[in-house]
Amino acid sequence: MDLSTIDGGVRDSVTYRGLYLVSLDEDPGDPRVFVCTDPDPEDIGYTMRGHVICNIGSEMTWYTVYGMNGRMQMGGPEIDKIPGMFPSWEAGIWAVLNAFDQYSGSTHY
């Protein structure tokens, strides 16, 4: 996934929060973008705050989103599916950022 194709305003909003967009090149059949606290793809399991998956169907493309839910697990915040079918990478990333904003101020982090 070429992260430069994501709207610059969305990328700026990610950066403003001290987060990074990370994409794994080895999975072209199931493109996904991770929102992480560190840009190193090797650390996604520990630094991920959410991710967006592109679902390509025969009639339409939609995006499935996972984001923070306010609970902690060993190694970092717990991530759950955010309900809905999102129409774009940007809409999915905004959903992850909204969850981050809601839960990152928690005393659990």
N, C-alpha and C. Protein backbone atom coordinates (compact mmCIF):
# COMPACT_ATOMS: atom_id res chain seq x y z
N MET A 1 0.84 -1.17 0.00
CA MET A 1 0.00 0.00 0.00
C MET A 1 0.89 1.24 0.00
N ASP A 2 0.70 2.10 -0.98
CA ASP A 2 1.44 3.35 -1.06
C ASP A 2 0.76 4.39 -0.16
N LEU A 3 1.37 4.68 0.97
CA LEU A 3 0.77 5.58 1.95
C LEU A 3 0.66 7.02 1.46
N SER A 4 1.41 7.37 0.43
CA SER A 4 1.33 8.73 -0.11
C SER A 4 0.00 8.99 -0.83
N THR A 5 -0.76 7.93 -1.13
CA THR A 5 -2.06 8.11 -1.78
C THR A 5 -3.15 8.49 -0.78
N ILE A 6 -2.86 8.38 0.50
CA ILE A 6 -3.84 8.78 1.53
C ILE A 6 -3.83 10.30 1.65
N ASP A 7 -5.00 10.88 1.76
CA ASP A 7 -5.17 12.33 1.84
C ASP A 7 -4.18 12.96 2.81
N GLY A 8 -3.56 14.05 2.38
CA GLY A 8 -2.55 14.73 3.20
C GLY A 8 -3.10 15.24 4.52
N GLY A 9 -4.34 15.69 4.55
CA GLY A 9 -4.94 16.15 5.80
C GLY A 9 -5.07 15.03 6.82
N VAL A 10 -5.40 13.85 6.34
CA VAL A 10 -5.50 12.69 7.22
C VAL A 10 -4.11 12.32 7.73
N ARG A 11 -3.13 12.29 6.82
CA ARG A 11 -1.75 11.99 7.25
C ARG A 11 -1.27 13.00 8.27
N ASP A 12 -1.59 14.29 8.07
CA ASP A 12 -1.20 15.33 9.03
C ASP A 12 -1.87 15.10 10.40
N SER A 13 -3.12 14.67 10.40
CA SER A 13 -3.84 14.40 11.65
C SER A 13 -3.22 13.24 12.40
N VAL A 14 -2.74 12.25 11.67
CA VAL A 14 -2.05 11.11 12.28
C VAL A 14 -0.76 11.61 12.94
N THR A 15 0.02 12.38 12.19
CA THR A 15 1.29 12.90 12.69
C THR A 15 1.08 13.82 13.90
N TYR A 16 0.06 14.66 13.84
CA TYR A 16 -0.25 15.58 14.94
C TYR A 16 -0.42 14.82 16.26
N ARG A 17 -0.96 13.63 16.20
CA ARG A 17 -1.19 12.82 17.41
C ARG A 17 0.05 12.03 17.81
N GLY A 18 1.14 12.19 17.09
CA GLY A 18 2.36 11.44 17.39
C GLY A 18 2.30 10.01 16.91
N LEU A 19 1.43 9.74 15.93
CA LEU A 19 1.25 8.40 15.41
C LEU A 19 1.84 8.29 14.00
N TYR A 20 1.90 7.06 13.50
CA TYR A 20 2.47 6.78 12.18
C TYR A 20 1.54 5.84 11.42
N LEU A 21 1.50 6.01 10.11
CA LEU A 21 0.84 5.03 9.25
C LEU A 21 1.90 4.05 8.80
N VAL A 22 1.59 2.76 8.91
CA VAL A 22 2.54 1.71 8.55
C VAL A 22 1.83 0.72 7.64
N SER A 23 2.50 0.34 6.56
CA SER A 23 1.95 -0.64 5.65
C SER A 23 2.96 -1.76 5.47
N LEU A 24 2.48 -2.99 5.39
CA LEU A 24 3.34 -4.14 5.15
C LEU A 24 3.28 -4.50 3.68
N ASP A 25 4.40 -4.45 3.01
CA ASP A 25 4.43 -4.69 1.56
C ASP A 25 4.21 -6.14 1.18
N GLU A 26 4.44 -7.06 2.09
CA GLU A 26 4.37 -8.48 1.73
C GLU A 26 2.95 -9.04 1.66
N ASP A 27 1.94 -8.22 1.82
CA ASP A 27 0.56 -8.72 1.83
C ASP A 27 -0.30 -7.96 0.81
N PRO A 28 0.06 -8.01 -0.49
CA PRO A 28 -0.67 -7.21 -1.48
C PRO A 28 -2.09 -7.69 -1.73
N GLY A 29 -2.41 -8.94 -1.43
CA GLY A 29 -3.75 -9.46 -1.68
C GLY A 29 -4.76 -9.00 -0.64
N ASP A 30 -4.30 -8.55 0.49
CA ASP A 30 -5.17 -8.12 1.59
C ASP A 30 -4.61 -6.82 2.15
N PRO A 31 -4.69 -5.72 1.36
CA PRO A 31 -4.03 -4.49 1.79
C PRO A 31 -4.60 -3.96 3.11
N ARG A 32 -3.71 -3.50 3.96
CA ARG A 32 -4.10 -2.93 5.24
C ARG A 32 -3.12 -1.85 5.64
N VAL A 33 -3.63 -0.90 6.40
CA VAL A 33 -2.81 0.19 6.93
C VAL A 33 -2.96 0.15 8.44
N PHE A 34 -1.82 0.18 9.11
CA PHE A 34 -1.79 0.19 10.57
C PHE A 34 -1.53 1.60 11.07
N VAL A 35 -2.18 1.98 12.17
CA VAL A 35 -1.92 3.25 12.84
C VAL A 35 -1.17 2.88 14.12
N CYS A 36 0.09 3.35 14.21
CA CYS A 36 0.99 2.89 15.28
C CYS A 36 1.68 4.05 15.97
N THR A 37 2.24 3.76 17.15
CA THR A 37 3.01 4.76 17.88
C THR A 37 4.47 4.76 17.46
N ASP A 38 4.87 3.82 16.59
CA ASP A 38 6.25 3.71 16.12
C ASP A 38 6.21 3.31 14.65
N PRO A 39 7.08 3.86 13.82
CA PRO A 39 7.02 3.54 12.39
C PRO A 39 7.62 2.20 12.00
N ASP A 40 8.24 1.48 12.92
CA ASP A 40 8.90 0.21 12.59
C ASP A 40 7.88 -0.90 12.39
N PRO A 41 7.79 -1.46 11.18
CA PRO A 41 6.82 -2.54 10.92
C PRO A 41 7.06 -3.79 11.77
N GLU A 42 8.27 -3.96 12.26
CA GLU A 42 8.58 -5.12 13.09
C GLU A 42 7.89 -5.05 14.46
N ASP A 43 7.48 -3.84 14.87
CA ASP A 43 6.91 -3.63 16.20
C ASP A 43 5.39 -3.46 16.20
N ILE A 44 4.73 -3.75 15.08
CA ILE A 44 3.29 -3.50 14.97
C ILE A 44 2.50 -4.15 16.10
N GLY A 45 2.86 -5.34 16.50
CA GLY A 45 2.12 -6.03 17.55
C GLY A 45 2.08 -5.27 18.87
N TYR A 46 3.09 -4.43 19.11
CA TYR A 46 3.16 -3.68 20.37
C TYR A 46 2.74 -2.23 20.23
N THR A 47 2.86 -1.68 19.03
CA THR A 47 2.64 -0.25 18.86
C THR A 47 1.34 0.09 18.13
N MET A 48 0.63 -0.91 17.64
CA MET A 48 -0.60 -0.65 16.88
C MET A 48 -1.69 -0.08 17.77
N ARG A 49 -2.35 0.95 17.27
CA ARG A 49 -3.51 1.53 17.93
C ARG A 49 -4.78 1.31 17.13
N GLY A 50 -4.63 0.72 15.95
CA GLY A 50 -5.75 0.38 15.09
C GLY A 50 -5.26 0.04 13.70
N HIS A 51 -6.15 -0.52 12.88
CA HIS A 51 -5.78 -0.76 11.49
C HIS A 51 -7.02 -0.81 10.61
N VAL A 52 -6.77 -0.59 9.32
CA VAL A 52 -7.83 -0.55 8.31
C VAL A 52 -7.50 -1.60 7.25
N ILE A 53 -8.49 -2.41 6.91
CA ILE A 53 -8.31 -3.47 5.91
C ILE A 53 -9.20 -3.18 4.71
N CYS A 54 -8.62 -3.26 3.52
CA CYS A 54 -9.38 -3.07 2.29
C CYS A 54 -10.02 -4.40 1.89
N ASN A 55 -11.32 -4.39 1.68
CA ASN A 55 -12.07 -5.57 1.25
C ASN A 55 -12.57 -5.33 -0.17
N ILE A 56 -12.09 -6.12 -1.10
CA ILE A 56 -12.46 -5.93 -2.49
C ILE A 56 -13.44 -7.04 -2.88
N GLY A 57 -14.69 -6.64 -3.14
CA GLY A 57 -15.71 -7.59 -3.54
C GLY A 57 -15.96 -7.49 -5.04
N SER A 58 -16.84 -8.33 -5.54
CA SER A 58 -17.14 -8.32 -6.97
C SER A 58 -17.93 -7.08 -7.38
N GLU A 59 -18.68 -6.51 -6.45
CA GLU A 59 -19.52 -5.36 -6.78
C GLU A 59 -19.08 -4.06 -6.12
N MET A 60 -18.27 -4.15 -5.06
CA MET A 60 -17.88 -2.94 -4.36
C MET A 60 -16.62 -3.17 -3.53
N THR A 61 -16.01 -2.07 -3.12
CA THR A 61 -14.86 -2.10 -2.21
C THR A 61 -15.28 -1.38 -0.94
N TRP A 62 -14.95 -1.96 0.21
CA TRP A 62 -15.23 -1.33 1.49
C TRP A 62 -14.05 -1.61 2.41
N TYR A 63 -14.06 -0.93 3.55
CA TYR A 63 -12.94 -1.00 4.47
C TYR A 63 -13.44 -1.41 5.85
N THR A 64 -12.77 -2.38 6.44
CA THR A 64 -13.07 -2.84 7.78
C THR A 64 -12.05 -2.21 8.72
N VAL A 65 -12.52 -1.75 9.87
CA VAL A 65 -11.67 -0.97 10.77
C VAL A 65 -11.63 -1.59 12.16
N TYR A 66 -10.45 -1.59 12.73
CA TYR A 66 -10.24 -2.03 14.11
C TYR A 66 -9.56 -0.90 14.87
N GLY A 67 -10.02 -0.63 16.10
CA GLY A 67 -9.45 0.45 16.89
C GLY A 67 -9.48 0.15 18.37
N MET A 68 -8.87 1.02 19.14
CA MET A 68 -8.79 0.87 20.59
C MET A 68 -10.19 0.85 21.20
N ASN A 69 -10.33 0.04 22.27
CA ASN A 69 -11.63 -0.04 22.94
C ASN A 69 -11.58 0.43 24.39
N GLY A 70 -10.44 0.91 24.85
CA GLY A 70 -10.32 1.42 26.21
C GLY A 70 -9.81 0.42 27.22
N ARG A 71 -9.66 -0.83 26.81
CA ARG A 71 -9.14 -1.85 27.73
C ARG A 71 -7.68 -2.16 27.38
N MET A 72 -6.95 -2.60 28.37
CA MET A 72 -5.56 -2.99 28.16
C MET A 72 -5.43 -4.50 28.12
N GLN A 73 -4.45 -4.95 27.37
CA GLN A 73 -4.07 -6.36 27.38
C GLN A 73 -2.55 -6.39 27.50
N MET A 74 -1.98 -7.55 27.70
CA MET A 74 -0.53 -7.61 27.81
C MET A 74 0.08 -7.09 26.51
N GLY A 75 0.95 -6.11 26.61
CA GLY A 75 1.63 -5.59 25.44
C GLY A 75 1.02 -4.32 24.85
N GLY A 76 -0.15 -3.90 25.33
CA GLY A 76 -0.71 -2.68 24.78
C GLY A 76 -2.21 -2.64 24.87
N PRO A 77 -2.80 -1.64 24.20
CA PRO A 77 -4.26 -1.52 24.26
C PRO A 77 -4.95 -2.62 23.47
N GLU A 78 -6.12 -2.99 23.93
CA GLU A 78 -6.92 -3.98 23.22
C GLU A 78 -7.57 -3.32 22.01
N ILE A 79 -7.65 -4.07 20.93
CA ILE A 79 -8.20 -3.57 19.66
C ILE A 79 -9.43 -4.39 19.32
N ASP A 80 -10.53 -3.72 18.96
CA ASP A 80 -11.77 -4.38 18.55
C ASP A 80 -12.22 -3.84 17.19
N LYS A 81 -13.07 -4.60 16.53
CA LYS A 81 -13.65 -4.14 15.28
C LYS A 81 -14.59 -2.97 15.58
N ILE A 82 -14.46 -1.91 14.79
CA ILE A 82 -15.37 -0.77 14.88
C ILE A 82 -16.52 -1.05 13.92
N PRO A 83 -17.75 -1.06 14.40
CA PRO A 83 -18.89 -1.42 13.54
C PRO A 83 -19.01 -0.51 12.31
N GLY A 84 -19.39 -1.11 11.22
CA GLY A 84 -19.65 -0.35 10.00
C GLY A 84 -18.81 -0.79 8.83
N MET A 85 -19.21 -0.35 7.65
CA MET A 85 -18.46 -0.55 6.42
C MET A 85 -18.02 0.85 5.99
N PHE A 86 -16.73 1.08 5.99
CA PHE A 86 -16.21 2.40 5.71
C PHE A 86 -15.89 2.53 4.22
N PRO A 87 -16.13 3.71 3.61
CA PRO A 87 -16.02 3.85 2.17
C PRO A 87 -14.61 4.13 1.64
N SER A 88 -13.65 4.42 2.54
CA SER A 88 -12.31 4.79 2.06
C SER A 88 -11.27 4.54 3.14
N TRP A 89 -9.99 4.54 2.70
CA TRP A 89 -8.90 4.46 3.68
C TRP A 89 -9.04 5.60 4.69
N GLU A 90 -9.30 6.80 4.16
CA GLU A 90 -9.37 7.98 5.02
C GLU A 90 -10.47 7.86 6.07
N ALA A 91 -11.65 7.40 5.67
CA ALA A 91 -12.75 7.23 6.63
C ALA A 91 -12.37 6.23 7.71
N GLY A 92 -11.70 5.17 7.32
CA GLY A 92 -11.26 4.16 8.29
C GLY A 92 -10.22 4.71 9.24
N ILE A 93 -9.25 5.44 8.71
CA ILE A 93 -8.21 6.02 9.56
C ILE A 93 -8.82 7.03 10.53
N TRP A 94 -9.79 7.83 10.06
CA TRP A 94 -10.48 8.77 10.97
C TRP A 94 -11.15 8.02 12.11
N ALA A 95 -11.75 6.87 11.83
CA ALA A 95 -12.40 6.08 12.88
C ALA A 95 -11.36 5.61 13.91
N VAL A 96 -10.19 5.19 13.43
CA VAL A 96 -9.12 4.78 14.34
C VAL A 96 -8.67 5.97 15.18
N LEU A 97 -8.52 7.14 14.56
CA LEU A 97 -8.10 8.33 15.29
C LEU A 97 -9.14 8.75 16.32
N ASN A 98 -10.41 8.63 15.98
CA ASN A 98 -11.47 8.96 16.95
C ASN A 98 -11.40 8.04 18.16
N ALA A 99 -11.17 6.74 17.93
CA ALA A 99 -11.04 5.81 19.06
C ALA A 99 -9.79 6.15 19.87
N PHE A 100 -8.71 6.48 19.18
CA PHE A 100 -7.48 6.86 19.87
C PHE A 100 -7.72 8.09 20.75
N ASP A 101 -8.38 9.11 20.18
CA ASP A 101 -8.66 10.32 20.95
C ASP A 101 -9.54 10.02 22.17
N GLN A 102 -10.50 9.13 21.99
CA GLN A 102 -11.42 8.80 23.07
C GLN A 102 -10.72 8.08 24.21
N TYR A 103 -9.80 7.17 23.87
CA TYR A 103 -9.22 6.30 24.90
C TYR A 103 -7.79 6.63 25.30
N SER A 104 -7.06 7.42 24.53
CA SER A 104 -5.66 7.66 24.88
C SER A 104 -5.54 8.57 26.09
N GLY A 105 -6.57 9.33 26.40
CA GLY A 105 -6.55 10.17 27.60
C GLY A 105 -6.88 9.40 28.87
N SER A 106 -7.21 8.14 28.71
CA SER A 106 -7.55 7.29 29.85
C SER A 106 -6.34 7.10 30.77
N THR A 107 -6.59 6.94 32.04
CA THR A 107 -5.51 6.69 32.99
C THR A 107 -4.88 5.32 32.81
N HIS A 108 -5.45 4.49 31.94
CA HIS A 108 -4.89 3.16 31.69
C HIS A 108 -3.69 3.19 30.77
N TYR A 109 -3.39 4.33 30.17
CA TYR A 109 -2.29 4.40 29.19
C TYR A 109 -1.13 5.21 29.71
